[in-house]
Each structure stands twice: as structure tokens, then as C-alpha cells.
Amino acid sequence: MQCERLIKQIKGWYFHVSNETMAPARMVSFIEKHAAECSICLADPDLQKEIERITEIILPESKIPKAVRMQQEQDELERRAADDDDEENDDEDDEDDDEDDDDIEDDDDIIEDD
């Protein structure tokens, strides 16, 4: 996070959230509003990921908007599917290597018989 003003505001907002004088969703809303209007924040390439992390920490699961939760679940499913595909490909490569070794042994037997 490159914007010192946003960092200072987040600390203040978090203090209010901790004291239960501000709703966590309101804090996230303030962060997003500032990020959308601030030239420093608009130029920060990592800010959206950091806002997502803060949102996950601040908001309980039930308060995260349904569309955001559904997108997070979809991303997780895709990530798991990609991991599963990678593992299957690794297993298939190992099996192919074993088959090649068998062919070599068979060729050796033919040579010995001659």
C-alpha cells in the first residue's frame, strides 16, 4: 500500500471497528471509495489484492456480499481443478515412463535370443 493517507485512515477506521462504533462493512466501503478517487491508490497495482485481504479479515463471512462470495468460491473451485489436473498429468507421465522401460527390456530379450 503506497498511499500514506489511506494507511492512516484505515488505522483510524479499524480503531472505530474495534470499539464497535463503526460497522466493518462501512470501513470496507470507505476504503473502496478512497481507492477509487485517490490518484496514488489508482496507480498502486497491488492495492486491490490488499483491499481483498483486509475485507476477508474485517468482514465476517456472512457479511461479504453474495456476489463476492460466489466469485471467491468459483475461483477456489477453478484453482482446485487446476491442481487436480496437474497431479493427474504428473501421474500419467510416470506411467508412460514405466511403459517405455518395459519395451526396452523386451528388446534386450530378443537380442539375447539371437
N, C-alpha and C. Protein backbone atom coordinates (compact mmCIF):
# COMPACT_ATOMS: atom_id res chain seq x y z
N MET A 1 0.86 -1.16 0.00
CA MET A 1 0.00 0.00 0.00
C MET A 1 0.91 1.22 0.00
N GLN A 2 0.71 2.07 -1.00
CA GLN A 2 1.61 3.20 -1.18
C GLN A 2 1.05 4.52 -0.63
N CYS A 3 -0.23 4.60 -0.43
CA CYS A 3 -0.87 5.85 -0.01
C CYS A 3 -0.85 5.97 1.52
N GLU A 4 -0.04 6.92 2.00
CA GLU A 4 0.08 7.13 3.45
C GLU A 4 -1.24 7.60 4.06
N ARG A 5 -1.98 8.40 3.30
CA ARG A 5 -3.27 8.89 3.79
C ARG A 5 -4.24 7.72 4.02
N LEU A 6 -4.29 6.79 3.07
CA LEU A 6 -5.17 5.63 3.21
C LEU A 6 -4.75 4.77 4.40
N ILE A 7 -3.46 4.58 4.57
CA ILE A 7 -2.97 3.78 5.70
C ILE A 7 -3.41 4.41 7.02
N LYS A 8 -3.24 5.73 7.13
CA LYS A 8 -3.64 6.43 8.35
C LYS A 8 -5.15 6.32 8.57
N GLN A 9 -5.93 6.46 7.50
CA GLN A 9 -7.38 6.36 7.62
C GLN A 9 -7.80 4.94 8.03
N ILE A 10 -7.17 3.94 7.44
CA ILE A 10 -7.51 2.56 7.78
C ILE A 10 -7.26 2.30 9.26
N LYS A 11 -6.15 2.80 9.76
CA LYS A 11 -5.87 2.61 11.19
C LYS A 11 -6.95 3.26 12.05
N GLY A 12 -7.36 4.46 11.69
CA GLY A 12 -8.42 5.14 12.43
C GLY A 12 -9.75 4.41 12.32
N TRP A 13 -10.08 3.98 11.10
CA TRP A 13 -11.34 3.25 10.91
C TRP A 13 -11.32 1.93 11.67
N TYR A 14 -10.18 1.25 11.66
CA TYR A 14 -10.09 -0.03 12.36
C TYR A 14 -10.27 0.17 13.87
N PHE A 15 -9.74 1.28 14.38
CA PHE A 15 -9.94 1.60 15.80
C PHE A 15 -11.43 1.70 16.11
N HIS A 16 -12.18 2.38 15.22
CA HIS A 16 -13.62 2.51 15.42
C HIS A 16 -14.32 1.16 15.30
N VAL A 17 -13.88 0.34 14.38
CA VAL A 17 -14.47 -1.00 14.23
C VAL A 17 -14.20 -1.82 15.49
N SER A 18 -12.99 -1.74 16.01
CA SER A 18 -12.64 -2.48 17.24
C SER A 18 -13.49 -2.04 18.42
N ASN A 19 -13.78 -0.76 18.48
CA ASN A 19 -14.61 -0.22 19.58
C ASN A 19 -16.10 -0.33 19.28
N GLU A 20 -16.41 -0.95 18.17
CA GLU A 20 -17.80 -1.16 17.74
C GLU A 20 -18.56 0.14 17.56
N THR A 21 -17.85 1.18 17.13
CA THR A 21 -18.52 2.44 16.81
C THR A 21 -18.65 2.62 15.30
N MET A 22 -18.14 1.65 14.54
CA MET A 22 -18.28 1.65 13.08
C MET A 22 -18.47 0.22 12.62
N ALA A 23 -19.35 0.04 11.67
CA ALA A 23 -19.58 -1.30 11.12
C ALA A 23 -18.42 -1.68 10.20
N PRO A 24 -17.99 -2.93 10.26
CA PRO A 24 -16.90 -3.37 9.38
C PRO A 24 -17.19 -3.15 7.90
N ALA A 25 -18.43 -3.36 7.48
CA ALA A 25 -18.79 -3.15 6.08
C ALA A 25 -18.63 -1.69 5.68
N ARG A 26 -18.90 -0.80 6.62
CA ARG A 26 -18.75 0.64 6.34
C ARG A 26 -17.26 0.97 6.16
N MET A 27 -16.40 0.35 6.96
CA MET A 27 -14.97 0.57 6.82
C MET A 27 -14.50 0.14 5.44
N VAL A 28 -14.93 -1.03 5.01
CA VAL A 28 -14.55 -1.53 3.68
C VAL A 28 -15.07 -0.58 2.60
N SER A 29 -16.27 -0.08 2.80
CA SER A 29 -16.85 0.87 1.84
C SER A 29 -16.00 2.14 1.75
N PHE A 30 -15.56 2.65 2.90
CA PHE A 30 -14.71 3.84 2.92
C PHE A 30 -13.37 3.57 2.21
N ILE A 31 -12.80 2.40 2.44
CA ILE A 31 -11.53 2.05 1.79
C ILE A 31 -11.71 2.03 0.28
N GLU A 32 -12.77 1.37 -0.18
CA GLU A 32 -13.00 1.27 -1.62
C GLU A 32 -13.27 2.63 -2.23
N LYS A 33 -14.02 3.48 -1.52
CA LYS A 33 -14.32 4.83 -2.03
C LYS A 33 -13.04 5.64 -2.17
N HIS A 34 -12.20 5.60 -1.13
CA HIS A 34 -10.94 6.33 -1.19
C HIS A 34 -10.07 5.82 -2.35
N ALA A 35 -9.98 4.50 -2.48
CA ALA A 35 -9.13 3.90 -3.52
C ALA A 35 -9.61 4.29 -4.92
N ALA A 36 -10.89 4.48 -5.09
CA ALA A 36 -11.45 4.82 -6.40
C ALA A 36 -11.22 6.28 -6.77
N GLU A 37 -10.95 7.12 -5.76
CA GLU A 37 -10.82 8.56 -6.01
C GLU A 37 -9.39 9.08 -5.88
N CYS A 38 -8.51 8.36 -5.25
CA CYS A 38 -7.16 8.83 -4.95
C CYS A 38 -6.20 8.49 -6.10
N SER A 39 -5.44 9.47 -6.56
CA SER A 39 -4.52 9.23 -7.69
C SER A 39 -3.39 8.26 -7.30
N ILE A 40 -2.94 8.33 -6.06
CA ILE A 40 -1.88 7.42 -5.60
C ILE A 40 -2.41 6.00 -5.56
N CYS A 41 -3.61 5.82 -5.04
CA CYS A 41 -4.21 4.49 -4.95
C CYS A 41 -4.52 3.92 -6.33
N LEU A 42 -4.96 4.76 -7.23
CA LEU A 42 -5.28 4.29 -8.59
C LEU A 42 -4.03 3.79 -9.31
N ALA A 43 -2.87 4.33 -8.95
CA ALA A 43 -1.62 3.92 -9.58
C ALA A 43 -0.98 2.71 -8.90
N ASP A 44 -1.50 2.31 -7.75
CA ASP A 44 -0.93 1.19 -6.98
C ASP A 44 -1.46 -0.13 -7.53
N PRO A 45 -0.58 -0.95 -8.15
CA PRO A 45 -1.05 -2.18 -8.78
C PRO A 45 -1.48 -3.28 -7.79
N ASP A 46 -0.98 -3.23 -6.57
CA ASP A 46 -1.28 -4.27 -5.58
C ASP A 46 -2.42 -3.92 -4.64
N LEU A 47 -2.96 -2.72 -4.77
CA LEU A 47 -3.94 -2.25 -3.81
C LEU A 47 -5.20 -3.12 -3.76
N GLN A 48 -5.70 -3.55 -4.90
CA GLN A 48 -6.95 -4.35 -4.90
C GLN A 48 -6.77 -5.66 -4.12
N LYS A 49 -5.62 -6.30 -4.28
CA LYS A 49 -5.37 -7.53 -3.52
C LYS A 49 -5.32 -7.24 -2.02
N GLU A 50 -4.73 -6.12 -1.67
CA GLU A 50 -4.64 -5.75 -0.25
C GLU A 50 -6.03 -5.42 0.30
N ILE A 51 -6.85 -4.76 -0.49
CA ILE A 51 -8.22 -4.46 -0.05
C ILE A 51 -9.00 -5.76 0.16
N GLU A 52 -8.81 -6.73 -0.74
CA GLU A 52 -9.46 -8.03 -0.60
C GLU A 52 -9.03 -8.72 0.69
N ARG A 53 -7.74 -8.67 0.99
CA ARG A 53 -7.24 -9.29 2.23
C ARG A 53 -7.84 -8.61 3.46
N ILE A 54 -7.87 -7.28 3.44
CA ILE A 54 -8.45 -6.54 4.57
C ILE A 54 -9.92 -6.90 4.72
N THR A 55 -10.63 -6.99 3.60
CA THR A 55 -12.05 -7.33 3.62
C THR A 55 -12.26 -8.70 4.25
N GLU A 56 -11.43 -9.67 3.88
CA GLU A 56 -11.55 -11.01 4.44
C GLU A 56 -11.30 -11.01 5.95
N ILE A 57 -10.40 -10.16 6.40
CA ILE A 57 -10.08 -10.09 7.83
C ILE A 57 -11.19 -9.36 8.59
N ILE A 58 -11.66 -8.25 8.05
CA ILE A 58 -12.61 -7.38 8.74
C ILE A 58 -14.03 -7.93 8.73
N LEU A 59 -14.49 -8.35 7.55
CA LEU A 59 -15.88 -8.76 7.43
C LEU A 59 -16.06 -10.23 7.75
N PRO A 60 -17.04 -10.56 8.57
CA PRO A 60 -17.36 -11.97 8.76
C PRO A 60 -17.94 -12.53 7.46
N GLU A 61 -17.83 -13.82 7.25
CA GLU A 61 -18.25 -14.47 6.01
C GLU A 61 -19.69 -14.10 5.63
N SER A 62 -20.56 -14.02 6.62
CA SER A 62 -21.97 -13.74 6.34
C SER A 62 -22.20 -12.31 5.85
N LYS A 63 -21.27 -11.40 6.08
CA LYS A 63 -21.45 -10.01 5.69
C LYS A 63 -20.83 -9.68 4.34
N ILE A 64 -20.03 -10.59 3.80
CA ILE A 64 -19.43 -10.36 2.49
C ILE A 64 -20.54 -10.46 1.46
N PRO A 65 -20.65 -9.51 0.54
CA PRO A 65 -21.72 -9.57 -0.45
C PRO A 65 -21.76 -10.92 -1.17
N LYS A 66 -22.96 -11.39 -1.46
CA LYS A 66 -23.15 -12.71 -2.05
C LYS A 66 -22.38 -12.86 -3.36
N ALA A 67 -22.37 -11.84 -4.19
CA ALA A 67 -21.67 -11.91 -5.47
C ALA A 67 -20.17 -12.12 -5.26
N VAL A 68 -19.61 -11.46 -4.25
CA VAL A 68 -18.18 -11.60 -3.96
C VAL A 68 -17.90 -13.01 -3.45
N ARG A 69 -18.77 -13.51 -2.55
CA ARG A 69 -18.58 -14.87 -2.04
C ARG A 69 -18.65 -15.89 -3.15
N MET A 70 -19.62 -15.72 -4.06
CA MET A 70 -19.77 -16.67 -5.16
C MET A 70 -18.54 -16.65 -6.07
N GLN A 71 -17.99 -15.46 -6.32
CA GLN A 71 -16.80 -15.35 -7.14
C GLN A 71 -15.61 -16.01 -6.45
N GLN A 72 -15.49 -15.82 -5.14
CA GLN A 72 -14.39 -16.45 -4.40
C GLN A 72 -14.52 -17.96 -4.43
N GLU A 73 -15.74 -18.47 -4.29
CA GLU A 73 -15.95 -19.91 -4.35
C GLU A 73 -15.62 -20.46 -5.73
N GLN A 74 -16.02 -19.73 -6.78
CA GLN A 74 -15.72 -20.15 -8.16
C GLN A 74 -14.21 -20.17 -8.39
N ASP A 75 -13.52 -19.13 -7.92
CA ASP A 75 -12.06 -19.09 -8.06
C ASP A 75 -11.40 -20.27 -7.35
N GLU A 76 -11.90 -20.60 -6.17
CA GLU A 76 -11.35 -21.72 -5.41
C GLU A 76 -11.57 -23.04 -6.14
N LEU A 77 -12.77 -23.22 -6.69
CA LEU A 77 -13.06 -24.45 -7.44
C LEU A 77 -12.15 -24.57 -8.66
N GLU A 78 -11.95 -23.47 -9.37
CA GLU A 78 -11.07 -23.48 -10.54
C GLU A 78 -9.63 -23.79 -10.14
N ARG A 79 -9.19 -23.21 -9.02
CA ARG A 79 -7.83 -23.46 -8.54
C ARG A 79 -7.65 -24.94 -8.18
N ARG A 80 -8.65 -25.50 -7.52
CA ARG A 80 -8.58 -26.92 -7.15
C ARG A 80 -8.59 -27.81 -8.39
N ALA A 81 -9.41 -27.47 -9.38
CA ALA A 81 -9.47 -28.25 -10.62
C ALA A 81 -8.13 -28.20 -11.34
N ALA A 82 -7.50 -27.04 -11.35
CA ALA A 82 -6.19 -26.91 -12.00
C ALA A 82 -5.15 -27.74 -11.27
N ASP A 83 -5.20 -27.74 -9.93
CA ASP A 83 -4.27 -28.54 -9.15
C ASP A 83 -4.47 -30.03 -9.41
N ASP A 84 -5.74 -30.44 -9.49
CA ASP A 84 -6.04 -31.85 -9.76
C ASP A 84 -5.54 -32.26 -11.15
N ASP A 85 -5.73 -31.38 -12.14
CA ASP A 85 -5.25 -31.68 -13.49
C ASP A 85 -3.74 -31.82 -13.52
N ASP A 86 -3.05 -30.95 -12.78
CA ASP A 86 -1.59 -31.03 -12.73
C ASP A 86 -1.14 -32.35 -12.12
N GLU A 87 -1.80 -32.78 -11.07
CA GLU A 87 -1.44 -34.04 -10.41
C GLU A 87 -1.70 -35.23 -11.34
N GLU A 88 -2.82 -35.21 -12.07
CA GLU A 88 -3.13 -36.29 -12.99
C GLU A 88 -2.11 -36.36 -14.11
N ASN A 89 -1.70 -35.22 -14.63
CA ASN A 89 -0.70 -35.19 -15.70
C ASN A 89 0.63 -35.74 -15.22
N ASP A 90 0.99 -35.43 -13.98
CA ASP A 90 2.23 -35.96 -13.42
C ASP A 90 2.16 -37.47 -13.32
N ASP A 91 1.01 -38.01 -12.88
CA ASP A 91 0.85 -39.46 -12.76
C ASP A 91 0.90 -40.13 -14.12
N GLU A 92 0.28 -39.54 -15.14
CA GLU A 92 0.30 -40.11 -16.48
C GLU A 92 1.71 -40.13 -17.05
N ASP A 93 2.49 -39.10 -16.79
CA ASP A 93 3.87 -39.06 -17.27
C ASP A 93 4.67 -40.18 -16.64
N ASP A 94 4.45 -40.45 -15.36
CA ASP A 94 5.17 -41.53 -14.68
C ASP A 94 4.81 -42.88 -15.29
N GLU A 95 3.53 -43.08 -15.62
CA GLU A 95 3.10 -44.34 -16.21
C GLU A 95 3.71 -44.53 -17.58
N ASP A 96 3.78 -43.46 -18.37
CA ASP A 96 4.38 -43.55 -19.70
C ASP A 96 5.85 -43.94 -19.60
N ASP A 97 6.55 -43.41 -18.61
CA ASP A 97 7.96 -43.75 -18.42
C ASP A 97 8.11 -45.23 -18.12
N ASP A 98 7.22 -45.78 -17.30
CA ASP A 98 7.29 -47.20 -16.95
C ASP A 98 7.07 -48.07 -18.18
N GLU A 99 6.13 -47.69 -19.05
CA GLU A 99 5.86 -48.47 -20.25
C GLU A 99 7.06 -48.48 -21.17
N ASP A 100 7.76 -47.36 -21.30
CA ASP A 100 8.94 -47.28 -22.14
C ASP A 100 10.03 -48.21 -21.62
N ASP A 101 10.17 -48.30 -20.32
CA ASP A 101 11.18 -49.17 -19.72
C ASP A 101 10.88 -50.63 -20.05
N ASP A 102 9.61 -51.02 -20.05
CA ASP A 102 9.22 -52.39 -20.38
C ASP A 102 9.60 -52.72 -21.81
N ASP A 103 9.40 -51.78 -22.73
CA ASP A 103 9.73 -52.02 -24.13
C ASP A 103 11.23 -52.25 -24.30
N ILE A 104 12.03 -51.53 -23.56
CA ILE A 104 13.48 -51.68 -23.67
C ILE A 104 13.88 -53.07 -23.19
N GLU A 105 13.30 -53.53 -22.09
CA GLU A 105 13.63 -54.86 -21.58
C GLU A 105 13.26 -55.94 -22.59
N ASP A 106 12.11 -55.80 -23.26
CA ASP A 106 11.70 -56.78 -24.26
C ASP A 106 12.68 -56.82 -25.42
N ASP A 107 13.20 -55.67 -25.82
CA ASP A 107 14.16 -55.62 -26.91
C ASP A 107 15.45 -56.35 -26.50
N ASP A 108 15.85 -56.21 -25.26
CA ASP A 108 17.06 -56.89 -24.78
C ASP A 108 16.89 -58.41 -24.88
N ASP A 109 15.69 -58.92 -24.55
CA ASP A 109 15.44 -60.36 -24.61
C ASP A 109 15.57 -60.85 -26.03
N ILE A 110 15.10 -60.09 -26.99
CA ILE A 110 15.18 -60.52 -28.40
C ILE A 110 16.62 -60.59 -28.83
N ILE A 111 17.42 -59.64 -28.44
CA ILE A 111 18.83 -59.62 -28.84
C ILE A 111 19.55 -60.83 -28.23
N GLU A 112 19.27 -61.17 -27.00
CA GLU A 112 19.94 -62.30 -26.36
C GLU A 112 19.58 -63.61 -27.04
N ASP A 113 18.34 -63.74 -27.54
CA ASP A 113 17.92 -64.99 -28.17
C ASP A 113 18.64 -65.24 -29.48
N ASP A 114 19.06 -64.21 -30.19
CA ASP A 114 19.73 -64.39 -31.48
C ASP A 114 21.07 -64.89 -31.24
